[in-house]
Each structure stands twice: as structure tokens, then as C-alpha cells.
Amino acid sequence: MNLSFLNTLALTGGDWVIWGLLLCSVAAIAAIIERGLLLFREEKSFDELRAALMGQFGQDLGLLEKTVRRFDGAAGRILAAALAQAHHGAAGVEDLLVAASLDEKGKLERRLLLLGTLGNNAPFIGLFGTVLGVIKAFHDLSQSGSGPEVVMQGLSEALIATAVGLFVAIPCVVSYNYFQKKVRELLSGTESLGRFILAQIRSGQTVRSK
């Protein structure tokens, strides 16, 4: 590896790392807002769907299917896909519940990988910028022959990169954990509704309309 390139990189300081982290923070904020709005709508749709189904369990499967298709959320799509296979019996419904849930899980978790990656790595990127800043500070000291106050100023500027890394990482980690919790709750609630339907199919309480 070319050592002159590494020396040049080290002496650039950590400013470019800070700007990179700030750009990452813009992407993270956009992802947080987009996922937050989506999961808010999904949660509202699920609550409305659950309220609509609670009064219809035990009735005709065709009526249940029409009800769930009125809701264009993840829960509605999962249950609609499962009910469409009700003529195959409980086993067919259960298989579709699992398959549709996995498909919707991937959609709900979209962009969460970005938040998780930034949350885990932004502090290390900031630390990398700090190391570059420290190297530059000592290099400047050796070139100028000035006192330790020059190094102190350089170190204080270098530590900004670490602070920015933490500034980016903390909201990403909090948002990632919160959104993952919401996704789990939504899918768990949908599974519970699906289990109600499965139980009724197995007990013969519901008959699909012709």
C-alpha cells in the first residue's frame, strides 16, 4: 500500500469525516420521518381492522374477507392473503399467514438497516475523524515549533468528530429500537387475529359463502 497516500490522508484532518457524518444524519432524519409516518398509519389501520373484526368473528368467511380487504395496511394484506386460501382449509390459511407476514415484515423494516448501520458505526467513524485530527495537530506542532496550546486547540477541534458521531448515532439507535418494537407489535397483533380465524376454521364455526 502506498504510504504517501496514507500520510496525505492522515494530514487532511477530520473535517471531511464530519461533513460525511452530517450528510449521513440527513439521510437518517429522512428515514426516521418516513418510517415514523408509515408505522403510525399502519398502527392506526391495524386498530381499526381489529375493531371491525371483533364483531364479525364466527361469521361467514366471505364477509371476513370483504372486511379485511377494506384496510390497505400490512395487517389487512396479511389476513386477506390468508383468507383467500380458506378453501384449502386451516393448513392453507396458516401457511399463507406465515408467508404474507414475512413479506410484510420485509416492507415494514425497510430503511431500518440504514438506521441500525449508522447507529452502530457512526461513533467509530467519528473516532476515526478524531484520530486524523490528532495526527494533524501533532504534525502542525512539529512543523511550527509552537507551544502546547497549538496542540490543545487541535485536539479540541479533533474531538468534535467524535461528538458528531455520537450525535448521529444516538437518535439512530433509539429510532431503530423503537421501530423494531412497533413492527413486532404489529405483526404479533396480526398473528393473533389470524389465530382467531384459524381456530374458527378448525372448529367449523365459519363456512365460506358460495
N, C-alpha and C. Protein backbone atom coordinates (compact mmCIF):
# COMPACT_ATOMS: atom_id res chain seq x y z
N MET A 1 0.85 -1.19 0.00
CA MET A 1 0.00 0.00 0.00
C MET A 1 0.89 1.25 0.00
N ASN A 2 0.47 2.28 -0.72
CA ASN A 2 1.26 3.50 -0.85
C ASN A 2 1.20 4.28 0.46
N LEU A 3 2.37 4.38 1.15
CA LEU A 3 2.40 5.07 2.44
C LEU A 3 2.22 6.56 2.28
N SER A 4 2.64 7.12 1.15
CA SER A 4 2.47 8.56 0.95
C SER A 4 0.99 8.93 0.91
N PHE A 5 0.18 8.03 0.35
CA PHE A 5 -1.27 8.28 0.34
C PHE A 5 -1.82 8.28 1.75
N LEU A 6 -1.36 7.33 2.59
CA LEU A 6 -1.82 7.26 3.97
C LEU A 6 -1.39 8.50 4.74
N ASN A 7 -0.17 8.96 4.49
CA ASN A 7 0.30 10.18 5.16
C ASN A 7 -0.54 11.37 4.75
N THR A 8 -0.83 11.47 3.46
CA THR A 8 -1.65 12.58 2.98
C THR A 8 -3.04 12.53 3.59
N LEU A 9 -3.62 11.32 3.65
CA LEU A 9 -4.94 11.16 4.25
C LEU A 9 -4.93 11.56 5.72
N ALA A 10 -3.90 11.14 6.44
CA ALA A 10 -3.82 11.44 7.87
C ALA A 10 -3.70 12.93 8.12
N LEU A 11 -3.03 13.63 7.23
CA LEU A 11 -2.78 15.06 7.44
C LEU A 11 -3.91 15.94 6.94
N THR A 12 -4.93 15.33 6.35
CA THR A 12 -6.08 16.14 5.92
C THR A 12 -6.94 16.57 7.11
N GLY A 13 -6.77 15.89 8.25
CA GLY A 13 -7.60 16.19 9.40
C GLY A 13 -8.95 15.50 9.31
N GLY A 14 -9.82 15.81 10.26
CA GLY A 14 -11.10 15.10 10.33
C GLY A 14 -12.29 15.88 9.83
N ASP A 15 -12.04 17.03 9.17
CA ASP A 15 -13.17 17.86 8.72
C ASP A 15 -14.05 17.12 7.72
N TRP A 16 -13.43 16.41 6.79
CA TRP A 16 -14.23 15.72 5.77
C TRP A 16 -15.05 14.58 6.39
N VAL A 17 -14.53 14.01 7.48
CA VAL A 17 -15.30 12.98 8.18
C VAL A 17 -16.55 13.58 8.81
N ILE A 18 -16.39 14.77 9.38
CA ILE A 18 -17.54 15.46 9.99
C ILE A 18 -18.61 15.75 8.95
N TRP A 19 -18.18 16.26 7.79
CA TRP A 19 -19.15 16.56 6.74
C TRP A 19 -19.85 15.28 6.26
N GLY A 20 -19.10 14.19 6.18
CA GLY A 20 -19.71 12.92 5.81
C GLY A 20 -20.75 12.46 6.81
N LEU A 21 -20.44 12.65 8.10
CA LEU A 21 -21.40 12.27 9.14
C LEU A 21 -22.65 13.15 9.08
N LEU A 22 -22.46 14.42 8.78
CA LEU A 22 -23.62 15.31 8.68
C LEU A 22 -24.51 14.92 7.51
N LEU A 23 -23.91 14.50 6.41
CA LEU A 23 -24.71 14.01 5.28
C LEU A 23 -25.46 12.73 5.68
N CYS A 24 -24.79 11.87 6.43
CA CYS A 24 -25.45 10.65 6.92
C CYS A 24 -26.62 10.99 7.84
N SER A 25 -26.45 12.06 8.62
CA SER A 25 -27.53 12.45 9.53
C SER A 25 -28.76 12.91 8.77
N VAL A 26 -28.54 13.57 7.62
CA VAL A 26 -29.68 13.99 6.79
C VAL A 26 -30.45 12.76 6.29
N ALA A 27 -29.70 11.76 5.81
CA ALA A 27 -30.34 10.51 5.36
C ALA A 27 -31.06 9.82 6.51
N ALA A 28 -30.47 9.85 7.69
CA ALA A 28 -31.09 9.21 8.86
C ALA A 28 -32.38 9.92 9.26
N ILE A 29 -32.36 11.25 9.24
CA ILE A 29 -33.56 12.01 9.60
C ILE A 29 -34.68 11.71 8.62
N ALA A 30 -34.34 11.66 7.33
CA ALA A 30 -35.36 11.35 6.31
C ALA A 30 -35.95 9.96 6.55
N ALA A 31 -35.09 8.99 6.87
CA ALA A 31 -35.56 7.62 7.12
C ALA A 31 -36.43 7.57 8.37
N ILE A 32 -36.04 8.29 9.42
CA ILE A 32 -36.80 8.30 10.66
C ILE A 32 -38.20 8.88 10.44
N ILE A 33 -38.27 9.99 9.72
CA ILE A 33 -39.57 10.62 9.45
C ILE A 33 -40.45 9.70 8.60
N GLU A 34 -39.86 9.14 7.54
CA GLU A 34 -40.63 8.28 6.63
C GLU A 34 -41.15 7.04 7.34
N ARG A 35 -40.28 6.37 8.10
CA ARG A 35 -40.70 5.16 8.83
C ARG A 35 -41.70 5.50 9.93
N GLY A 36 -41.48 6.63 10.59
CA GLY A 36 -42.38 7.02 11.67
C GLY A 36 -43.79 7.25 11.16
N LEU A 37 -43.92 7.96 10.03
CA LEU A 37 -45.23 8.22 9.45
C LEU A 37 -45.88 6.92 8.97
N LEU A 38 -45.08 6.06 8.35
CA LEU A 38 -45.61 4.79 7.85
C LEU A 38 -46.15 3.93 9.00
N LEU A 39 -45.35 3.78 10.05
CA LEU A 39 -45.77 2.91 11.16
C LEU A 39 -46.94 3.51 11.93
N PHE A 40 -47.04 4.84 11.94
CA PHE A 40 -48.21 5.48 12.56
C PHE A 40 -49.47 5.10 11.78
N ARG A 41 -49.39 5.17 10.45
CA ARG A 41 -50.55 4.80 9.62
C ARG A 41 -50.87 3.31 9.76
N GLU A 42 -49.82 2.49 9.82
CA GLU A 42 -50.04 1.05 9.96
C GLU A 42 -50.70 0.72 11.29
N GLU A 43 -50.26 1.37 12.35
CA GLU A 43 -50.85 1.12 13.67
C GLU A 43 -52.31 1.54 13.71
N LYS A 44 -52.60 2.69 13.10
CA LYS A 44 -53.99 3.16 13.05
C LYS A 44 -54.86 2.20 12.24
N SER A 45 -54.34 1.74 11.09
CA SER A 45 -55.08 0.80 10.26
C SER A 45 -55.34 -0.51 11.00
N PHE A 46 -54.33 -0.98 11.75
CA PHE A 46 -54.50 -2.23 12.50
C PHE A 46 -55.56 -2.08 13.58
N ASP A 47 -55.55 -0.98 14.31
CA ASP A 47 -56.54 -0.77 15.37
C ASP A 47 -57.96 -0.75 14.79
N GLU A 48 -58.12 -0.09 13.63
CA GLU A 48 -59.44 -0.04 13.01
C GLU A 48 -59.86 -1.42 12.50
N LEU A 49 -58.91 -2.16 11.94
CA LEU A 49 -59.21 -3.51 11.44
C LEU A 49 -59.60 -4.43 12.59
N ARG A 50 -58.86 -4.37 13.67
CA ARG A 50 -59.18 -5.23 14.82
C ARG A 50 -60.57 -4.92 15.36
N ALA A 51 -60.90 -3.62 15.45
CA ALA A 51 -62.22 -3.25 15.95
C ALA A 51 -63.32 -3.76 15.02
N ALA A 52 -63.06 -3.71 13.71
CA ALA A 52 -64.07 -4.18 12.75
C ALA A 52 -64.25 -5.69 12.81
N LEU A 53 -63.16 -6.42 13.03
CA LEU A 53 -63.24 -7.89 13.03
C LEU A 53 -63.81 -8.45 14.32
N MET A 54 -63.64 -7.75 15.42
CA MET A 54 -64.07 -8.29 16.71
C MET A 54 -65.56 -8.60 16.73
N GLY A 55 -66.34 -7.84 15.99
CA GLY A 55 -67.77 -8.09 15.95
C GLY A 55 -68.19 -9.07 14.88
N GLN A 56 -67.22 -9.59 14.11
CA GLN A 56 -67.57 -10.45 12.99
C GLN A 56 -67.01 -11.86 13.10
N PHE A 57 -66.16 -12.12 14.08
CA PHE A 57 -65.63 -13.47 14.23
C PHE A 57 -66.78 -14.45 14.48
N GLY A 58 -66.70 -15.59 13.83
CA GLY A 58 -67.76 -16.58 13.92
C GLY A 58 -68.75 -16.48 12.78
N GLN A 59 -68.59 -15.45 11.92
CA GLN A 59 -69.49 -15.29 10.78
C GLN A 59 -68.86 -15.86 9.52
N ASP A 60 -69.53 -15.64 8.40
CA ASP A 60 -69.12 -16.19 7.12
C ASP A 60 -67.72 -15.69 6.74
N LEU A 61 -66.89 -16.59 6.21
CA LEU A 61 -65.53 -16.23 5.81
C LEU A 61 -65.51 -15.20 4.70
N GLY A 62 -66.50 -15.27 3.82
CA GLY A 62 -66.57 -14.28 2.75
C GLY A 62 -66.75 -12.88 3.30
N LEU A 63 -67.56 -12.74 4.35
CA LEU A 63 -67.75 -11.45 4.99
C LEU A 63 -66.47 -10.97 5.65
N LEU A 64 -65.76 -11.89 6.31
CA LEU A 64 -64.48 -11.52 6.92
C LEU A 64 -63.48 -11.05 5.87
N GLU A 65 -63.45 -11.75 4.74
CA GLU A 65 -62.51 -11.37 3.68
C GLU A 65 -62.84 -9.99 3.12
N LYS A 66 -64.12 -9.71 2.92
CA LYS A 66 -64.52 -8.38 2.44
C LYS A 66 -64.12 -7.30 3.44
N THR A 67 -64.24 -7.62 4.71
CA THR A 67 -63.89 -6.64 5.75
C THR A 67 -62.40 -6.32 5.73
N VAL A 68 -61.55 -7.35 5.71
CA VAL A 68 -60.11 -7.10 5.78
C VAL A 68 -59.61 -6.41 4.52
N ARG A 69 -60.28 -6.64 3.38
CA ARG A 69 -59.83 -6.00 2.14
C ARG A 69 -60.13 -4.50 2.12
N ARG A 70 -60.95 -4.04 3.05
CA ARG A 70 -61.21 -2.60 3.13
C ARG A 70 -60.03 -1.85 3.73
N PHE A 71 -59.10 -2.56 4.35
CA PHE A 71 -57.99 -1.92 5.05
C PHE A 71 -56.69 -2.16 4.29
N ASP A 72 -56.11 -1.07 3.80
CA ASP A 72 -54.91 -1.18 2.97
C ASP A 72 -53.65 -1.05 3.81
N GLY A 73 -53.58 -1.78 4.90
CA GLY A 73 -52.39 -1.81 5.73
C GLY A 73 -51.77 -3.19 5.71
N ALA A 74 -50.65 -3.33 6.38
CA ALA A 74 -49.97 -4.62 6.41
C ALA A 74 -50.86 -5.71 6.99
N ALA A 75 -51.56 -5.40 8.08
CA ALA A 75 -52.43 -6.40 8.72
C ALA A 75 -53.54 -6.83 7.77
N GLY A 76 -54.15 -5.87 7.09
CA GLY A 76 -55.22 -6.19 6.15
C GLY A 76 -54.73 -7.06 5.01
N ARG A 77 -53.54 -6.74 4.48
CA ARG A 77 -52.99 -7.52 3.37
C ARG A 77 -52.65 -8.95 3.80
N ILE A 78 -52.11 -9.09 5.00
CA ILE A 78 -51.76 -10.43 5.50
C ILE A 78 -53.01 -11.29 5.65
N LEU A 79 -54.03 -10.75 6.32
CA LEU A 79 -55.24 -11.53 6.56
C LEU A 79 -56.01 -11.79 5.27
N ALA A 80 -55.99 -10.82 4.35
CA ALA A 80 -56.67 -11.02 3.07
C ALA A 80 -56.01 -12.14 2.27
N ALA A 81 -54.68 -12.16 2.27
CA ALA A 81 -53.96 -13.22 1.56
C ALA A 81 -54.27 -14.59 2.16
N ALA A 82 -54.38 -14.64 3.48
CA ALA A 82 -54.67 -15.91 4.15
C ALA A 82 -56.10 -16.36 3.88
N LEU A 83 -57.06 -15.43 3.99
CA LEU A 83 -58.46 -15.79 3.78
C LEU A 83 -58.74 -16.20 2.34
N ALA A 84 -57.94 -15.70 1.41
CA ALA A 84 -58.13 -16.07 0.01
C ALA A 84 -57.86 -17.56 -0.21
N GLN A 85 -57.14 -18.18 0.72
CA GLN A 85 -56.83 -19.61 0.62
C GLN A 85 -57.65 -20.45 1.60
N ALA A 86 -58.74 -19.88 2.11
CA ALA A 86 -59.53 -20.59 3.11
C ALA A 86 -60.13 -21.89 2.56
N HIS A 87 -60.32 -21.94 1.23
CA HIS A 87 -60.91 -23.16 0.66
C HIS A 87 -59.94 -24.34 0.74
N HIS A 88 -58.66 -24.06 1.04
CA HIS A 88 -57.69 -25.14 1.23
C HIS A 88 -57.67 -25.65 2.67
N GLY A 89 -58.49 -25.04 3.52
CA GLY A 89 -58.54 -25.46 4.91
C GLY A 89 -57.58 -24.69 5.78
N ALA A 90 -57.54 -25.06 7.06
CA ALA A 90 -56.73 -24.34 8.04
C ALA A 90 -55.25 -24.37 7.70
N ALA A 91 -54.77 -25.48 7.15
CA ALA A 91 -53.35 -25.59 6.83
C ALA A 91 -52.95 -24.57 5.77
N GLY A 92 -53.82 -24.41 4.75
CA GLY A 92 -53.53 -23.42 3.71
C GLY A 92 -53.53 -22.01 4.26
N VAL A 93 -54.48 -21.70 5.14
CA VAL A 93 -54.55 -20.37 5.75
C VAL A 93 -53.31 -20.11 6.60
N GLU A 94 -52.92 -21.10 7.38
CA GLU A 94 -51.75 -20.93 8.25
C GLU A 94 -50.48 -20.69 7.44
N ASP A 95 -50.31 -21.44 6.36
CA ASP A 95 -49.13 -21.25 5.51
C ASP A 95 -49.11 -19.85 4.91
N LEU A 96 -50.25 -19.37 4.45
CA LEU A 96 -50.31 -18.03 3.87
C LEU A 96 -50.11 -16.95 4.92
N LEU A 97 -50.57 -17.19 6.14
CA LEU A 97 -50.32 -16.22 7.21
C LEU A 97 -48.83 -16.04 7.43
N VAL A 98 -48.11 -17.14 7.46
CA VAL A 98 -46.66 -17.08 7.67
C VAL A 98 -45.97 -16.40 6.50
N ALA A 99 -46.31 -16.81 5.28
CA ALA A 99 -45.66 -16.26 4.09
C ALA A 99 -45.95 -14.77 3.94
N ALA A 100 -47.22 -14.38 4.11
CA ALA A 100 -47.58 -12.97 3.96
C ALA A 100 -46.96 -12.12 5.07
N SER A 101 -46.86 -12.67 6.27
CA SER A 101 -46.25 -11.94 7.38
C SER A 101 -44.77 -11.67 7.10
N LEU A 102 -44.08 -12.66 6.57
CA LEU A 102 -42.66 -12.48 6.24
C LEU A 102 -42.48 -11.42 5.16
N ASP A 103 -43.38 -11.43 4.18
CA ASP A 103 -43.31 -10.44 3.11
C ASP A 103 -43.54 -9.03 3.65
N GLU A 104 -44.56 -8.87 4.47
CA GLU A 104 -44.86 -7.56 5.04
C GLU A 104 -43.79 -7.12 6.04
N LYS A 105 -43.19 -8.07 6.73
CA LYS A 105 -42.11 -7.74 7.67
C LYS A 105 -40.95 -7.07 6.93
N GLY A 106 -40.62 -7.61 5.76
CA GLY A 106 -39.55 -7.01 4.97
C GLY A 106 -39.89 -5.59 4.56
N LYS A 107 -41.15 -5.34 4.21
CA LYS A 107 -41.56 -3.99 3.81
C LYS A 107 -41.53 -3.03 5.00
N LEU A 108 -42.01 -3.51 6.15
CA LEU A 108 -42.05 -2.65 7.33
C LEU A 108 -40.66 -2.30 7.85
N GLU A 109 -39.70 -3.21 7.65
CA GLU A 109 -38.35 -2.99 8.16
C GLU A 109 -37.44 -2.30 7.14
N ARG A 110 -38.01 -1.91 6.01
CA ARG A 110 -37.22 -1.22 5.00
C ARG A 110 -36.65 0.08 5.59
N ARG A 111 -35.40 0.36 5.28
CA ARG A 111 -34.64 1.53 5.75
C ARG A 111 -34.20 1.42 7.22
N LEU A 112 -34.68 0.41 7.93
CA LEU A 112 -34.19 0.24 9.29
C LEU A 112 -32.74 -0.24 9.30
N LEU A 113 -32.33 -0.91 8.22
CA LEU A 113 -30.93 -1.32 8.12
C LEU A 113 -30.02 -0.10 8.12
N LEU A 114 -30.45 0.97 7.44
CA LEU A 114 -29.66 2.21 7.42
C LEU A 114 -29.51 2.76 8.83
N LEU A 115 -30.61 2.80 9.58
CA LEU A 115 -30.56 3.33 10.95
C LEU A 115 -29.69 2.46 11.84
N GLY A 116 -29.82 1.15 11.71
CA GLY A 116 -29.01 0.25 12.52
C GLY A 116 -27.53 0.37 12.20
N THR A 117 -27.22 0.50 10.90
CA THR A 117 -25.82 0.61 10.49
C THR A 117 -25.20 1.91 10.99
N LEU A 118 -25.92 3.01 10.84
CA LEU A 118 -25.40 4.30 11.32
C LEU A 118 -25.30 4.31 12.84
N GLY A 119 -26.29 3.73 13.50
CA GLY A 119 -26.24 3.70 14.96
C GLY A 119 -25.05 2.94 15.49
N ASN A 120 -24.67 1.86 14.79
CA ASN A 120 -23.54 1.05 15.25
C ASN A 120 -22.19 1.62 14.84
N ASN A 121 -22.15 2.31 13.70
CA ASN A 121 -20.85 2.68 13.13
C ASN A 121 -20.51 4.16 13.19
N ALA A 122 -21.51 5.03 13.36
CA ALA A 122 -21.23 6.47 13.40
C ALA A 122 -20.22 6.84 14.49
N PRO A 123 -20.29 6.26 15.71
CA PRO A 123 -19.27 6.61 16.71
C PRO A 123 -17.86 6.24 16.27
N PHE A 124 -17.72 5.11 15.58
CA PHE A 124 -16.39 4.70 15.12
C PHE A 124 -15.90 5.61 13.99
N ILE A 125 -16.83 6.03 13.13
CA ILE A 125 -16.45 6.97 12.07
C ILE A 125 -16.01 8.29 12.69
N GLY A 126 -16.76 8.74 13.71
CA GLY A 126 -16.36 9.96 14.41
C GLY A 126 -15.02 9.81 15.09
N LEU A 127 -14.77 8.64 15.68
CA LEU A 127 -13.48 8.39 16.32
C LEU A 127 -12.35 8.41 15.29
N PHE A 128 -12.63 7.88 14.11
CA PHE A 128 -11.65 7.92 13.03
C PHE A 128 -11.30 9.37 12.67
N GLY A 129 -12.32 10.21 12.61
CA GLY A 129 -12.07 11.63 12.35
C GLY A 129 -11.26 12.28 13.44
N THR A 130 -11.52 11.88 14.69
CA THR A 130 -10.74 12.42 15.81
C THR A 130 -9.28 12.01 15.72
N VAL A 131 -9.04 10.75 15.38
CA VAL A 131 -7.65 10.28 15.24
C VAL A 131 -6.93 11.07 14.16
N LEU A 132 -7.61 11.30 13.03
CA LEU A 132 -6.99 12.09 11.97
C LEU A 132 -6.70 13.51 12.45
N GLY A 133 -7.63 14.07 13.22
CA GLY A 133 -7.41 15.42 13.75
C GLY A 133 -6.24 15.49 14.71
N VAL A 134 -6.08 14.46 15.54
CA VAL A 134 -4.96 14.41 16.48
C VAL A 134 -3.64 14.31 15.73
N ILE A 135 -3.61 13.45 14.71
CA ILE A 135 -2.38 13.32 13.91
C ILE A 135 -2.01 14.65 13.29
N LYS A 136 -3.00 15.34 12.74
CA LYS A 136 -2.73 16.64 12.11
C LYS A 136 -2.26 17.66 13.14
N ALA A 137 -2.85 17.62 14.34
CA ALA A 137 -2.46 18.58 15.38
C ALA A 137 -0.99 18.41 15.76
N PHE A 138 -0.56 17.17 15.95
CA PHE A 138 0.85 16.94 16.30
C PHE A 138 1.77 17.25 15.13
N HIS A 139 1.31 16.99 13.92
CA HIS A 139 2.12 17.34 12.75
C HIS A 139 2.31 18.85 12.66
N ASP A 140 1.23 19.60 12.87
CA ASP A 140 1.33 21.06 12.84
C ASP A 140 2.26 21.57 13.92
N LEU A 141 2.22 20.92 15.09
CA LEU A 141 3.11 21.32 16.18
C LEU A 141 4.57 21.09 15.79
N SER A 142 4.85 19.97 15.17
CA SER A 142 6.23 19.66 14.79
C SER A 142 6.73 20.60 13.70
N GLN A 143 5.82 21.07 12.86
CA GLN A 143 6.22 21.95 11.77
C GLN A 143 6.39 23.39 12.23
N SER A 144 5.55 23.82 13.16
CA SER A 144 5.59 25.22 13.59
C SER A 144 6.49 25.46 14.78
N GLY A 145 6.69 24.42 15.58
CA GLY A 145 7.50 24.59 16.78
C GLY A 145 6.83 25.41 17.85
N SER A 146 5.51 25.54 17.76
CA SER A 146 4.77 26.34 18.73
C SER A 146 4.60 25.57 20.03
N GLY A 147 3.98 26.22 21.01
CA GLY A 147 3.78 25.63 22.32
C GLY A 147 2.63 24.65 22.34
N PRO A 148 2.38 24.08 23.51
CA PRO A 148 1.32 23.07 23.64
C PRO A 148 -0.08 23.61 23.39
N GLU A 149 -0.24 24.94 23.45
CA GLU A 149 -1.58 25.49 23.21
C GLU A 149 -2.06 25.19 21.78
N VAL A 150 -1.11 25.06 20.86
CA VAL A 150 -1.48 24.72 19.49
C VAL A 150 -2.05 23.30 19.44
N VAL A 151 -1.40 22.39 20.19
CA VAL A 151 -1.89 21.01 20.23
C VAL A 151 -3.26 20.95 20.90
N MET A 152 -3.43 21.71 21.98
CA MET A 152 -4.71 21.70 22.68
C MET A 152 -5.84 22.18 21.78
N GLN A 153 -5.57 23.20 21.00
CA GLN A 153 -6.59 23.69 20.07
C GLN A 153 -6.91 22.64 19.02
N GLY A 154 -5.87 21.99 18.51
CA GLY A 154 -6.09 20.95 17.52
C GLY A 154 -6.85 19.76 18.08
N LEU A 155 -6.53 19.39 19.33
CA LEU A 155 -7.24 18.27 19.96
C LEU A 155 -8.71 18.59 20.19
N SER A 156 -8.97 19.82 20.62
CA SER A 156 -10.36 20.20 20.87
C SER A 156 -11.17 20.17 19.58
N GLU A 157 -10.54 20.59 18.48
CA GLU A 157 -11.23 20.54 17.19
C GLU A 157 -11.41 19.09 16.73
N ALA A 158 -10.41 18.26 17.02
CA ALA A 158 -10.50 16.86 16.60
C ALA A 158 -11.61 16.12 17.32
N LEU A 159 -11.84 16.46 18.59
CA LEU A 159 -12.87 15.77 19.37
C LEU A 159 -14.28 16.07 18.87
N ILE A 160 -14.41 17.13 18.08
CA ILE A 160 -15.72 17.45 17.51
C ILE A 160 -16.23 16.29 16.66
N ALA A 161 -15.32 15.62 15.96
CA ALA A 161 -15.72 14.50 15.11
C ALA A 161 -16.37 13.39 15.94
N THR A 162 -15.80 13.09 17.10
CA THR A 162 -16.40 12.07 17.96
C THR A 162 -17.77 12.51 18.45
N ALA A 163 -17.89 13.79 18.81
CA ALA A 163 -19.18 14.31 19.27
C ALA A 163 -20.23 14.22 18.17
N VAL A 164 -19.84 14.56 16.94
CA VAL A 164 -20.78 14.48 15.82
C VAL A 164 -21.19 13.03 15.58
N GLY A 165 -20.23 12.10 15.69
CA GLY A 165 -20.55 10.69 15.53
C GLY A 165 -21.59 10.22 16.53
N LEU A 166 -21.43 10.63 17.78
CA LEU A 166 -22.42 10.28 18.81
C LEU A 166 -23.75 10.97 18.56
N PHE A 167 -23.69 12.21 18.08
CA PHE A 167 -24.90 12.97 17.77
C PHE A 167 -25.72 12.27 16.69
N VAL A 168 -25.04 11.67 15.73
CA VAL A 168 -25.73 10.94 14.67
C VAL A 168 -26.21 9.58 15.18
N ALA A 169 -25.38 8.90 15.96
CA ALA A 169 -25.67 7.52 16.35
C ALA A 169 -26.83 7.40 17.33
N ILE A 170 -26.90 8.28 18.31
CA ILE A 170 -27.90 8.12 19.38
C ILE A 170 -29.33 8.14 18.85
N PRO A 171 -29.73 9.14 18.04
CA PRO A 171 -31.11 9.09 17.50
C PRO A 171 -31.36 7.88 16.63
N CYS A 172 -30.32 7.44 15.90
CA CYS A 172 -30.48 6.27 15.03
C CYS A 172 -30.75 5.01 15.85
N VAL A 173 -30.01 4.83 16.94
CA VAL A 173 -30.19 3.65 17.78
C VAL A 173 -31.57 3.67 18.45
N VAL A 174 -31.94 4.83 18.99
CA VAL A 174 -33.25 4.95 19.65
C VAL A 174 -34.38 4.68 18.66
N SER A 175 -34.29 5.29 17.48
CA SER A 175 -35.34 5.11 16.47
C SER A 175 -35.39 3.67 15.98
N TYR A 176 -34.23 3.07 15.76
CA TYR A 176 -34.17 1.69 15.29
C TYR A 176 -34.86 0.75 16.28
N ASN A 177 -34.53 0.88 17.55
CA ASN A 177 -35.14 0.02 18.57
C ASN A 177 -36.64 0.25 18.68
N TYR A 178 -37.05 1.53 18.60
CA TYR A 178 -38.47 1.86 18.70
C TYR A 178 -39.25 1.29 17.52
N PHE A 179 -38.72 1.48 16.31
CA PHE A 179 -39.40 0.98 15.12
C PHE A 179 -39.46 -0.54 15.10
N GLN A 180 -38.38 -1.19 15.53
CA GLN A 180 -38.39 -2.66 15.59
C GLN A 180 -39.47 -3.14 16.56
N LYS A 181 -39.61 -2.44 17.67
CA LYS A 181 -40.65 -2.80 18.65
C LYS A 181 -42.04 -2.64 18.03
N LYS A 182 -42.26 -1.56 17.29
CA LYS A 182 -43.55 -1.33 16.66
C LYS A 182 -43.86 -2.39 15.61
N VAL A 183 -42.85 -2.77 14.84
CA VAL A 183 -43.04 -3.81 13.82
C VAL A 183 -43.42 -5.13 14.49
N ARG A 184 -42.71 -5.48 15.57
CA ARG A 184 -43.02 -6.72 16.28
C ARG A 184 -44.44 -6.70 16.83
N GLU A 185 -44.84 -5.58 17.42
CA GLU A 185 -46.19 -5.47 17.98
C GLU A 185 -47.25 -5.60 16.89
N LEU A 186 -47.01 -4.96 15.75
CA LEU A 186 -47.97 -5.01 14.66
C LEU A 186 -48.12 -6.43 14.12
N LEU A 187 -47.00 -7.10 13.89
CA LEU A 187 -47.06 -8.46 13.36
C LEU A 187 -47.62 -9.44 14.39
N SER A 188 -47.31 -9.22 15.66
CA SER A 188 -47.84 -10.08 16.71
C SER A 188 -49.36 -9.92 16.81
N GLY A 189 -49.83 -8.68 16.74
CA GLY A 189 -51.27 -8.45 16.78
C GLY A 189 -51.98 -9.05 15.59
N THR A 190 -51.35 -8.94 14.42
CA THR A 190 -51.94 -9.54 13.21
C THR A 190 -51.98 -11.05 13.33
N GLU A 191 -50.93 -11.63 13.89
CA GLU A 191 -50.91 -13.08 14.10
C GLU A 191 -52.04 -13.51 15.02
N SER A 192 -52.31 -12.71 16.05
CA SER A 192 -53.40 -13.05 16.97
C SER A 192 -54.74 -13.07 16.25
N LEU A 193 -54.97 -12.07 15.38
CA LEU A 193 -56.22 -12.06 14.61
C LEU A 193 -56.28 -13.28 13.69
N GLY A 194 -55.15 -13.61 13.09
CA GLY A 194 -55.11 -14.79 12.22
C GLY A 194 -55.39 -16.06 12.99
N ARG A 195 -54.92 -16.14 14.24
CA ARG A 195 -55.17 -17.33 15.06
C ARG A 195 -56.66 -17.48 15.39
N PHE A 196 -57.33 -16.35 15.58
CA PHE A 196 -58.78 -16.40 15.81
C PHE A 196 -59.47 -17.03 14.61
N ILE A 197 -59.08 -16.57 13.42
CA ILE A 197 -59.68 -17.11 12.19
C ILE A 197 -59.37 -18.59 12.04
N LEU A 198 -58.13 -18.97 12.31
CA LEU A 198 -57.73 -20.38 12.21
C LEU A 198 -58.53 -21.25 13.18
N ALA A 199 -58.70 -20.75 14.40
CA ALA A 199 -59.44 -21.52 15.40
C ALA A 199 -60.88 -21.77 14.96
N GLN A 200 -61.48 -20.76 14.35
CA GLN A 200 -62.86 -20.91 13.90
C GLN A 200 -62.97 -21.85 12.70
N ILE A 201 -61.97 -21.80 11.82
CA ILE A 201 -61.98 -22.72 10.68
C ILE A 201 -61.85 -24.16 11.17
N ARG A 202 -60.95 -24.37 12.12
CA ARG A 202 -60.73 -25.73 12.63
C ARG A 202 -61.92 -26.27 13.41
N SER A 203 -62.64 -25.36 14.07
CA SER A 203 -63.79 -25.81 14.85
C SER A 203 -65.06 -25.88 14.01
N GLY A 204 -64.96 -25.43 12.75
CA GLY A 204 -66.10 -25.49 11.86
C GLY A 204 -67.15 -24.44 12.13
N GLN A 205 -66.78 -23.36 12.82
CA GLN A 205 -67.76 -22.33 13.15
C GLN A 205 -68.03 -21.39 11.98
N THR A 206 -67.11 -21.33 11.03
CA THR A 206 -67.31 -20.44 9.89
C THR A 206 -67.38 -21.27 8.62
N VAL A 207 -68.25 -20.88 7.75
CA VAL A 207 -68.42 -21.57 6.47
C VAL A 207 -68.29 -20.54 5.37
N ARG A 208 -67.42 -20.81 4.41
CA ARG A 208 -67.21 -19.86 3.32
C ARG A 208 -68.46 -19.82 2.45
N SER A 209 -68.87 -18.59 2.15
CA SER A 209 -70.06 -18.44 1.32
C SER A 209 -69.77 -18.84 -0.11
N LYS A 210 -70.79 -19.27 -0.79
CA LYS A 210 -70.62 -19.69 -2.19
C LYS A 210 -70.58 -18.48 -3.09
